Amino acid sequence: MNRVALVTGGNHGIGAATARALKRDGFTVAVTYFRFVPDQDPGRPAQYDVDRQRDADIGDLRIEADLRDPTTPARVFDQVEAELGPVSVLVNNASGWMKDGFTGEPDWIGRATDWVTPESFDSQFLVDARGGALLIAELARRFRGDWGRIISLTSGGPMGFPGEASYGAAKAALENYTMTASIELAPKGITANVVYPPVTDTGWITDEVRAHVEQSTDHWHIAPPEDVAEVIAWLCTPAADLVTGNVIRLR
């Protein structure tokens, strides 16, 4: 049986590792990526420049997609269905991450933190919250099978995220959308879970971060993206058929 997985933000880090893990496990995999343009997105960090990676051998289909555009989810599903077939697995990994908060002060490792602004709000909520919700809606609307998976990635969440206020708030919204999907879509055979990764080395880890993690009682270690991808891939196996409606915290 050909099962198609769609992984957003699949050009690097956890998304790329997840795409490779699902491909290994027999899925046909489509990934989306966002092309960072410094002049148009001055607040985005350098790690979002994916030109150097967009031609990497990740997945069976690679789609450039800006999830800030509300028409993007339907367009992506149209293309995946036309070229690969109906989507059974959705991994909401893409993020519009920006650092913002209510003090404007640098964080504990010296990274600049912007004030909460309309721009920082839109960067996060249009991608993580609205984009993720519209992707879930497209999967549900088009679903014709009896087996499906939704896995969303989170960080921060409802208890607040100092220095990353809009990021945490948007992820809290995505968590809620995913939990709602776990209830409403259960009769269709779709499970929906949220994975909360540990500190993950996707290219931003410094010596200061490593020292902080070593002394933290909340973070136990720094994980490679492949470790997180294995949990996501496991949720897409028959062994996880009864696992739904959870925020799975990895440490």
C-alpha atoms as a PDB file:
ATOM      1  CA  MET A   1       0.000   0.000   0.000  1.00  0.00           C
ATOM      2  CA  ASN A   2       1.334   3.427  -0.973  1.00  0.00           C
ATOM      3  CA  ARG A   3       1.110   5.725   2.037  1.00  0.00           C
ATOM      4  CA  VAL A   4       2.053   9.340   1.447  1.00  0.00           C
ATOM      5  CA  ALA A   5       3.513  11.568   4.167  1.00  0.00           C
ATOM      6  CA  LEU A   6       3.735  15.362   4.009  1.00  0.00           C
ATOM      7  CA  VAL A   7       6.431  16.968   6.178  1.00  0.00           C
ATOM      8  CA  THR A   8       6.449  20.761   6.350  1.00  0.00           C
ATOM      9  CA  GLY A   9       9.768  22.519   6.887  1.00  0.00           C
ATOM     10  CA  GLY A  10      11.442  19.360   5.651  1.00  0.00           C
ATOM     11  CA  ASN A  11      14.604  20.903   4.251  1.00  0.00           C
ATOM     12  CA  HIS A  12      16.701  20.796   7.428  1.00  0.00           C
ATOM     13  CA  GLY A  13      16.834  19.765  11.076  1.00  0.00           C
ATOM     14  CA  ILE A  14      13.997  17.724  12.552  1.00  0.00           C
ATOM     15  CA  GLY A  15      11.921  17.987   9.369  1.00  0.00           C
ATOM     16  CA  ALA A  16      14.658  16.563   7.154  1.00  0.00           C
ATOM     17  CA  ALA A  17      15.434  13.807   9.652  1.00  0.00           C
ATOM     18  CA  THR A  18      11.732  12.936   9.825  1.00  0.00           C
ATOM     19  CA  ALA A  19      11.401  12.813   6.049  1.00  0.00           C
ATOM     20  CA  ARG A  20      14.347  10.426   5.854  1.00  0.00           C
ATOM     21  CA  ALA A  21      13.004   8.226   8.658  1.00  0.00           C
ATOM     22  CA  LEU A  22       9.566   7.960   7.038  1.00  0.00           C
ATOM     23  CA  LYS A  23      11.129   7.216   3.655  1.00  0.00           C
ATOM     24  CA  ARG A  24      13.177   4.445   5.269  1.00  0.00           C
ATOM     25  CA  ASP A  25       9.979   3.019   6.740  1.00  0.00           C
ATOM     26  CA  GLY A  26       8.330   2.748   3.338  1.00  0.00           C
ATOM     27  CA  PHE A  27       6.387   5.984   3.016  1.00  0.00           C
ATOM     28  CA  THR A  28       6.348   8.132  -0.071  1.00  0.00           C
ATOM     29  CA  VAL A  29       7.397  11.520   1.265  1.00  0.00           C
ATOM     30  CA  ALA A  30       6.707  15.102   0.207  1.00  0.00           C
ATOM     31  CA  VAL A  31       8.445  17.981   1.967  1.00  0.00           C
ATOM     32  CA  THR A  32       7.861  21.703   1.906  1.00  0.00           C
ATOM     33  CA  TYR A  33      10.545  24.322   2.375  1.00  0.00           C
ATOM     34  CA  PHE A  34      10.660  28.098   2.684  1.00  0.00           C
ATOM     35  CA  ARG A  35      13.156  30.160   0.712  1.00  0.00           C
ATOM     36  CA  PHE A  36      14.555  32.848   3.019  1.00  0.00           C
ATOM     37  CA  VAL A  37      15.040  36.219   1.298  1.00  0.00           C
ATOM     38  CA  PRO A  38      16.934  38.633   3.602  1.00  0.00           C
ATOM     39  CA  ASP A  39      15.528  41.801   1.991  1.00  0.00           C
ATOM     40  CA  GLN A  40      11.958  40.575   2.449  1.00  0.00           C
ATOM     41  CA  ASP A  41      12.368  38.873   5.833  1.00  0.00           C
ATOM     42  CA  PRO A  42      14.984  40.901   7.757  1.00  0.00           C
ATOM     43  CA  GLY A  43      13.885  39.489  11.109  1.00  0.00           C
ATOM     44  CA  ARG A  44      14.487  35.887  10.159  1.00  0.00           C
ATOM     45  CA  PRO A  45      17.665  34.194  11.410  1.00  0.00           C
ATOM     46  CA  ALA A  46      20.338  33.016   8.983  1.00  0.00           C
ATOM     47  CA  GLN A  47      19.469  29.359   9.573  1.00  0.00           C
ATOM     48  CA  TYR A  48      16.330  29.899   7.487  1.00  0.00           C
ATOM     49  CA  ASP A  49      18.378  30.467   4.329  1.00  0.00           C
ATOM     50  CA  VAL A  50      17.639  27.139   2.677  1.00  0.00           C
ATOM     51  CA  ASP A  51      19.011  27.839  -0.796  1.00  0.00           C
ATOM     52  CA  ARG A  52      22.050  25.767   0.107  1.00  0.00           C
ATOM     53  CA  GLN A  53      19.823  22.809   0.981  1.00  0.00           C
ATOM     54  CA  ARG A  54      16.787  23.007  -1.261  1.00  0.00           C
ATOM     55  CA  ASP A  55      18.273  20.615  -3.825  1.00  0.00           C
ATOM     56  CA  ALA A  56      19.250  18.050  -1.199  1.00  0.00           C
ATOM     57  CA  ASP A  57      17.995  14.513  -1.699  1.00  0.00           C
ATOM     58  CA  ILE A  58      15.163  14.724   0.841  1.00  0.00           C
ATOM     59  CA  GLY A  59      11.850  13.074   0.067  1.00  0.00           C
ATOM     60  CA  ASP A  60      10.203  12.173  -3.231  1.00  0.00           C
ATOM     61  CA  LEU A  61       8.751  15.634  -3.846  1.00  0.00           C
ATOM     62  CA  ARG A  62       9.992  19.033  -2.684  1.00  0.00           C
ATOM     63  CA  ILE A  63       7.646  22.021  -2.741  1.00  0.00           C
ATOM     64  CA  GLU A  64       8.569  25.629  -2.051  1.00  0.00           C
ATOM     65  CA  ALA A  65       5.800  26.906   0.210  1.00  0.00           C
ATOM     66  CA  ASP A  66       5.167  30.069   2.209  1.00  0.00           C
ATOM     67  CA  LEU A  67       2.623  29.102   4.877  1.00  0.00           C
ATOM     68  CA  ARG A  68       1.911  32.768   5.599  1.00  0.00           C
ATOM     69  CA  ASP A  69      -0.199  32.643   2.438  1.00  0.00           C
ATOM     70  CA  PRO A  70      -3.589  31.121   3.353  1.00  0.00           C
ATOM     71  CA  THR A  71      -3.882  29.554  -0.111  1.00  0.00           C
ATOM     72  CA  THR A  72      -0.687  27.540   0.363  1.00  0.00           C
ATOM     73  CA  PRO A  73      -2.071  24.493   2.239  1.00  0.00           C
ATOM     74  CA  ALA A  74      -4.634  23.698  -0.485  1.00  0.00           C
ATOM     75  CA  ARG A  75      -2.036  24.249  -3.207  1.00  0.00           C
ATOM     76  CA  VAL A  76       0.431  21.939  -1.488  1.00  0.00           C
ATOM     77  CA  PHE A  77      -2.160  19.196  -1.050  1.00  0.00           C
ATOM     78  CA  ASP A  78      -3.227  19.584  -4.690  1.00  0.00           C
ATOM     79  CA  GLN A  79       0.343  19.094  -5.872  1.00  0.00           C
ATOM     80  CA  VAL A  80       1.103  16.176  -3.560  1.00  0.00           C
ATOM     81  CA  GLU A  81      -2.093  14.375  -4.546  1.00  0.00           C
ATOM     82  CA  ALA A  82      -1.463  14.943  -8.244  1.00  0.00           C
ATOM     83  CA  GLU A  83       2.146  13.695  -8.147  1.00  0.00           C
ATOM     84  CA  LEU A  84       2.225  11.161  -5.293  1.00  0.00           C
ATOM     85  CA  GLY A  85      -1.322  10.326  -4.212  1.00  0.00           C
ATOM     86  CA  PRO A  86      -3.588  11.089  -1.219  1.00  0.00           C
ATOM     87  CA  VAL A  87      -1.864  12.186   1.997  1.00  0.00           C
ATOM     88  CA  SER A  88      -2.170   9.847   4.998  1.00  0.00           C
ATOM     89  CA  VAL A  89       0.429  11.440   7.297  1.00  0.00           C
ATOM     90  CA  LEU A  90       0.852  15.148   8.070  1.00  0.00           C
ATOM     91  CA  VAL A  91       3.835  16.332  10.084  1.00  0.00           C
ATOM     92  CA  ASN A  92       3.412  19.996  11.082  1.00  0.00           C
ATOM     93  CA  ASN A  93       7.076  20.873  11.543  1.00  0.00           C
ATOM     94  CA  ALA A  94       7.451  24.244   9.758  1.00  0.00           C
ATOM     95  CA  SER A  95       7.794  27.300  11.960  1.00  0.00           C
ATOM     96  CA  GLY A  96       7.967  31.046  11.445  1.00  0.00           C
ATOM     97  CA  TRP A  97      10.189  31.370  14.515  1.00  0.00           C
ATOM     98  CA  MET A  98      11.219  34.816  15.695  1.00  0.00           C
ATOM     99  CA  LYS A  99      12.311  35.920  19.140  1.00  0.00           C
ATOM    100  CA  ASP A 100      10.051  38.484  20.769  1.00  0.00           C
ATOM    101  CA  GLY A 101       8.812  39.416  24.203  1.00  0.00           C
ATOM    102  CA  PHE A 102       7.805  42.291  26.446  1.00  0.00           C
ATOM    103  CA  THR A 103      11.186  43.701  27.500  1.00  0.00           C
ATOM    104  CA  GLY A 104      13.206  43.985  24.291  1.00  0.00           C
ATOM    105  CA  GLU A 105      16.261  42.683  26.176  1.00  0.00           C
ATOM    106  CA  PRO A 106      18.729  40.049  24.944  1.00  0.00           C
ATOM    107  CA  ASP A 107      18.196  36.520  26.239  1.00  0.00           C
ATOM    108  CA  TRP A 108      20.517  34.535  28.523  1.00  0.00           C
ATOM    109  CA  ILE A 109      22.922  33.677  25.694  1.00  0.00           C
ATOM    110  CA  GLY A 110      22.952  37.170  24.212  1.00  0.00           C
ATOM    111  CA  ARG A 111      20.510  36.647  21.338  1.00  0.00           C
ATOM    112  CA  ALA A 112      18.567  39.798  20.431  1.00  0.00           C
ATOM    113  CA  THR A 113      14.902  39.762  21.379  1.00  0.00           C
ATOM    114  CA  ASP A 114      12.461  42.030  19.564  1.00  0.00           C
ATOM    115  CA  TRP A 115       9.392  43.558  21.128  1.00  0.00           C
ATOM    116  CA  VAL A 116       6.085  41.877  20.352  1.00  0.00           C
ATOM    117  CA  THR A 117       4.918  43.612  17.170  1.00  0.00           C
ATOM    118  CA  PRO A 118       2.377  42.924  14.430  1.00  0.00           C
ATOM    119  CA  GLU A 119       5.272  41.605  12.340  1.00  0.00           C
ATOM    120  CA  SER A 120       6.526  39.186  14.993  1.00  0.00           C
ATOM    121  CA  PHE A 121       2.956  38.038  15.680  1.00  0.00           C
ATOM    122  CA  ASP A 122       2.298  37.393  11.986  1.00  0.00           C
ATOM    123  CA  SER A 123       5.593  35.570  11.524  1.00  0.00           C
ATOM    124  CA  GLN A 124       4.522  33.020  14.112  1.00  0.00           C
ATOM    125  CA  PHE A 125       0.763  32.785  14.031  1.00  0.00           C
ATOM    126  CA  LEU A 126       0.347  32.788  10.259  1.00  0.00           C
ATOM    127  CA  VAL A 127       2.752  29.844   9.935  1.00  0.00           C
ATOM    128  CA  ASP A 128       2.553  27.796  13.126  1.00  0.00           C
ATOM    129  CA  ALA A 129      -1.075  28.379  14.151  1.00  0.00           C
ATOM    130  CA  ARG A 130      -3.110  29.253  11.053  1.00  0.00           C
ATOM    131  CA  GLY A 131      -0.881  27.369   8.627  1.00  0.00           C
ATOM    132  CA  GLY A 132      -0.900  24.260  10.781  1.00  0.00           C
ATOM    133  CA  ALA A 133      -4.673  24.428  11.262  1.00  0.00           C
ATOM    134  CA  LEU A 134      -5.343  24.830   7.537  1.00  0.00           C
ATOM    135  CA  LEU A 135      -3.088  21.867   6.753  1.00  0.00           C
ATOM    136  CA  ILE A 136      -5.000  19.720   9.243  1.00  0.00           C
ATOM    137  CA  ALA A 137      -8.241  20.891   7.654  1.00  0.00           C
ATOM    138  CA  GLU A 138      -7.025  19.945   4.175  1.00  0.00           C
ATOM    139  CA  LEU A 139      -6.037  16.457   5.347  1.00  0.00           C
ATOM    140  CA  ALA A 140      -9.420  15.957   7.033  1.00  0.00           C
ATOM    141  CA  ARG A 141     -11.415  17.342   4.102  1.00  0.00           C
ATOM    142  CA  ARG A 142      -9.700  15.125   1.523  1.00  0.00           C
ATOM    143  CA  PHE A 143      -9.267  11.982   3.642  1.00  0.00           C
ATOM    144  CA  ARG A 144     -10.884   8.878   2.146  1.00  0.00           C
ATOM    145  CA  GLY A 145      -9.032   6.046   3.892  1.00  0.00           C
ATOM    146  CA  ASP A 146      -9.279   4.420   7.298  1.00  0.00           C
ATOM    147  CA  TRP A 147      -5.761   5.114   8.640  1.00  0.00           C
ATOM    148  CA  GLY A 148      -4.055   8.453   9.147  1.00  0.00           C
ATOM    149  CA  ARG A 149      -1.628  10.361  11.320  1.00  0.00           C
ATOM    150  CA  ILE A 150      -1.199  13.995  12.352  1.00  0.00           C
ATOM    151  CA  ILE A 151       1.930  14.926  14.282  1.00  0.00           C
ATOM    152  CA  SER A 152       2.588  18.552  15.234  1.00  0.00           C
ATOM    153  CA  LEU A 153       5.800  19.911  16.737  1.00  0.00           C
ATOM    154  CA  THR A 154       5.674  22.261  19.708  1.00  0.00           C
ATOM    155  CA  SER A 155       7.861  24.149  22.149  1.00  0.00           C
ATOM    156  CA  GLY A 156       6.989  26.510  24.964  1.00  0.00           C
ATOM    157  CA  GLY A 157       3.232  26.297  25.140  1.00  0.00           C
ATOM    158  CA  PRO A 158       0.391  27.464  27.374  1.00  0.00           C
ATOM    159  CA  MET A 159       2.532  28.256  30.440  1.00  0.00           C
ATOM    160  CA  GLY A 160       4.457  30.970  28.595  1.00  0.00           C
ATOM    161  CA  PHE A 161       7.823  31.193  26.852  1.00  0.00           C
ATOM    162  CA  PRO A 162       9.893  34.200  28.022  1.00  0.00           C
ATOM    163  CA  GLY A 163      11.902  35.701  25.172  1.00  0.00           C
ATOM    164  CA  GLU A 164       9.896  33.737  22.602  1.00  0.00           C
ATOM    165  CA  ALA A 165       6.414  34.957  23.466  1.00  0.00           C
ATOM    166  CA  SER A 166       4.723  34.722  20.073  1.00  0.00           C
ATOM    167  CA  TYR A 167       6.471  31.443  19.306  1.00  0.00           C
ATOM    168  CA  GLY A 168       5.165  29.853  22.497  1.00  0.00           C
ATOM    169  CA  ALA A 169       1.686  31.290  22.003  1.00  0.00           C
ATOM    170  CA  ALA A 170       1.445  30.112  18.397  1.00  0.00           C
ATOM    171  CA  LYS A 171       2.612  26.649  19.411  1.00  0.00           C
ATOM    172  CA  ALA A 172      -0.015  26.592  22.160  1.00  0.00           C
ATOM    173  CA  ALA A 173      -2.627  27.301  19.487  1.00  0.00           C
ATOM    174  CA  LEU A 174      -1.239  24.528  17.292  1.00  0.00           C
ATOM    175  CA  GLU A 175      -1.363  22.136  20.245  1.00  0.00           C
ATOM    176  CA  ASN A 176      -5.042  22.964  20.730  1.00  0.00           C
ATOM    177  CA  TYR A 177      -5.877  22.505  17.062  1.00  0.00           C
ATOM    178  CA  THR A 178      -4.124  19.121  17.139  1.00  0.00           C
ATOM    179  CA  MET A 179      -5.938  18.004  20.286  1.00  0.00           C
ATOM    180  CA  THR A 180      -9.259  18.976  18.701  1.00  0.00           C
ATOM    181  CA  ALA A 181      -8.323  16.953  15.623  1.00  0.00           C
ATOM    182  CA  SER A 182      -7.547  13.946  17.803  1.00  0.00           C
ATOM    183  CA  ILE A 183     -11.166  13.961  18.999  1.00  0.00           C
ATOM    184  CA  GLU A 184     -13.023  14.984  15.865  1.00  0.00           C
ATOM    185  CA  LEU A 185     -11.049  12.788  13.455  1.00  0.00           C
ATOM    186  CA  ALA A 186     -10.839   9.644  15.595  1.00  0.00           C
ATOM    187  CA  PRO A 187     -13.890   8.090  13.869  1.00  0.00           C
ATOM    188  CA  LYS A 188     -12.016   8.370  10.563  1.00  0.00           C
ATOM    189  CA  GLY A 189      -9.081   6.348  11.902  1.00  0.00           C
ATOM    190  CA  ILE A 190      -6.782   9.359  12.239  1.00  0.00           C
ATOM    191  CA  THR A 191      -4.641   9.803  15.338  1.00  0.00           C
ATOM    192  CA  ALA A 192      -3.259  13.222  16.264  1.00  0.00           C
ATOM    193  CA  ASN A 193      -0.400  13.884  18.671  1.00  0.00           C
ATOM    194  CA  VAL A 194       2.045  16.658  19.501  1.00  0.00           C
ATOM    195  CA  VAL A 195       5.774  16.054  19.957  1.00  0.00           C
ATOM    196  CA  TYR A 196       7.702  18.440  22.215  1.00  0.00           C
ATOM    197  CA  PRO A 197      11.388  17.907  21.369  1.00  0.00           C
ATOM    198  CA  PRO A 198      14.247  18.364  23.808  1.00  0.00           C
ATOM    199  CA  VAL A 199      16.945  20.912  23.054  1.00  0.00           C
ATOM    200  CA  THR A 200      17.851  19.763  19.553  1.00  0.00           C
ATOM    201  CA  ASP A 201      21.034  20.473  17.636  1.00  0.00           C
ATOM    202  CA  THR A 202      19.702  21.892  14.392  1.00  0.00           C
ATOM    203  CA  GLY A 203      22.659  24.244  13.936  1.00  0.00           C
ATOM    204  CA  TRP A 204      22.114  26.831  16.670  1.00  0.00           C
ATOM    205  CA  ILE A 205      23.776  25.128  19.641  1.00  0.00           C
ATOM    206  CA  THR A 206      26.650  27.042  21.261  1.00  0.00           C
ATOM    207  CA  ASP A 207      28.949  26.328  24.198  1.00  0.00           C
ATOM    208  CA  GLU A 208      26.714  28.545  26.343  1.00  0.00           C
ATOM    209  CA  VAL A 209      23.686  26.432  25.452  1.00  0.00           C
ATOM    210  CA  ARG A 210      25.534  23.221  26.243  1.00  0.00           C
ATOM    211  CA  ALA A 211      26.592  24.589  29.636  1.00  0.00           C
ATOM    212  CA  HIS A 212      23.034  25.680  30.392  1.00  0.00           C
ATOM    213  CA  VAL A 213      21.607  22.267  29.519  1.00  0.00           C
ATOM    214  CA  GLU A 214      24.174  20.514  31.689  1.00  0.00           C
ATOM    215  CA  GLN A 215      23.019  22.529  34.708  1.00  0.00           C
ATOM    216  CA  SER A 216      19.292  22.484  33.928  1.00  0.00           C
ATOM    217  CA  THR A 217      16.733  20.390  35.779  1.00  0.00           C
ATOM    218  CA  ASP A 218      14.287  20.789  32.874  1.00  0.00           C
ATOM    219  CA  HIS A 219      16.525  19.836  29.946  1.00  0.00           C
ATOM    220  CA  TRP A 220      18.434  16.586  30.283  1.00  0.00           C
ATOM    221  CA  HIS A 221      20.567  16.535  27.154  1.00  0.00           C
ATOM    222  CA  ILE A 222      20.984  17.914  23.630  1.00  0.00           C
ATOM    223  CA  ALA A 223      19.516  15.555  21.053  1.00  0.00           C
ATOM    224  CA  PRO A 224      20.350  15.153  17.377  1.00  0.00           C
ATOM    225  CA  PRO A 225      17.383  15.657  15.026  1.00  0.00           C
ATOM    226  CA  GLU A 226      17.413  11.951  14.223  1.00  0.00           C
ATOM    227  CA  ASP A 227      16.395  11.069  17.795  1.00  0.00           C
ATOM    228  CA  VAL A 228      13.277  13.230  17.554  1.00  0.00           C
ATOM    229  CA  ALA A 229      12.519  11.860  14.084  1.00  0.00           C
ATOM    230  CA  GLU A 230      12.493   8.312  15.435  1.00  0.00           C
ATOM    231  CA  VAL A 231       9.669   9.186  17.843  1.00  0.00           C
ATOM    232  CA  ILE A 232       7.678  10.811  15.033  1.00  0.00           C
ATOM    233  CA  ALA A 233       8.295   7.797  12.795  1.00  0.00           C
ATOM    234  CA  TRP A 234       7.163   5.446  15.582  1.00  0.00           C
ATOM    235  CA  LEU A 235       3.884   7.353  15.869  1.00  0.00           C
ATOM    236  CA  CYS A 236       3.344   6.433  12.211  1.00  0.00           C
ATOM    237  CA  THR A 237       3.579   2.681  12.865  1.00  0.00           C
ATOM    238  CA  PRO A 238       0.784   0.237  13.759  1.00  0.00           C
ATOM    239  CA  ALA A 239       2.297   0.008  17.259  1.00  0.00           C
ATOM    240  CA  ALA A 240       0.988   3.541  17.884  1.00  0.00           C
ATOM    241  CA  ASP A 241      -2.579   2.904  16.735  1.00  0.00           C
ATOM    242  CA  LEU A 242      -3.936   3.591  20.245  1.00  0.00           C
ATOM    243  CA  VAL A 243      -1.763   6.647  20.893  1.00  0.00           C
ATOM    244  CA  THR A 244      -3.680   9.864  20.256  1.00  0.00           C
ATOM    245  CA  GLY A 245      -4.463  13.164  21.945  1.00  0.00           C
ATOM    246  CA  ASN A 246      -1.078  13.467  23.667  1.00  0.00           C
ATOM    247  CA  VAL A 247       1.657  16.061  24.021  1.00  0.00           C
ATOM    248  CA  ILE A 248       4.703  13.807  24.144  1.00  0.00           C
ATOM    249  CA  ARG A 249       7.540  15.579  25.957  1.00  0.00           C
ATOM    250  CA  LEU A 250      11.032  14.408  25.043  1.00  0.00           C
ATOM    251  CA  ARG A 251      13.959  15.214  27.285  1.00  0.00           C
END
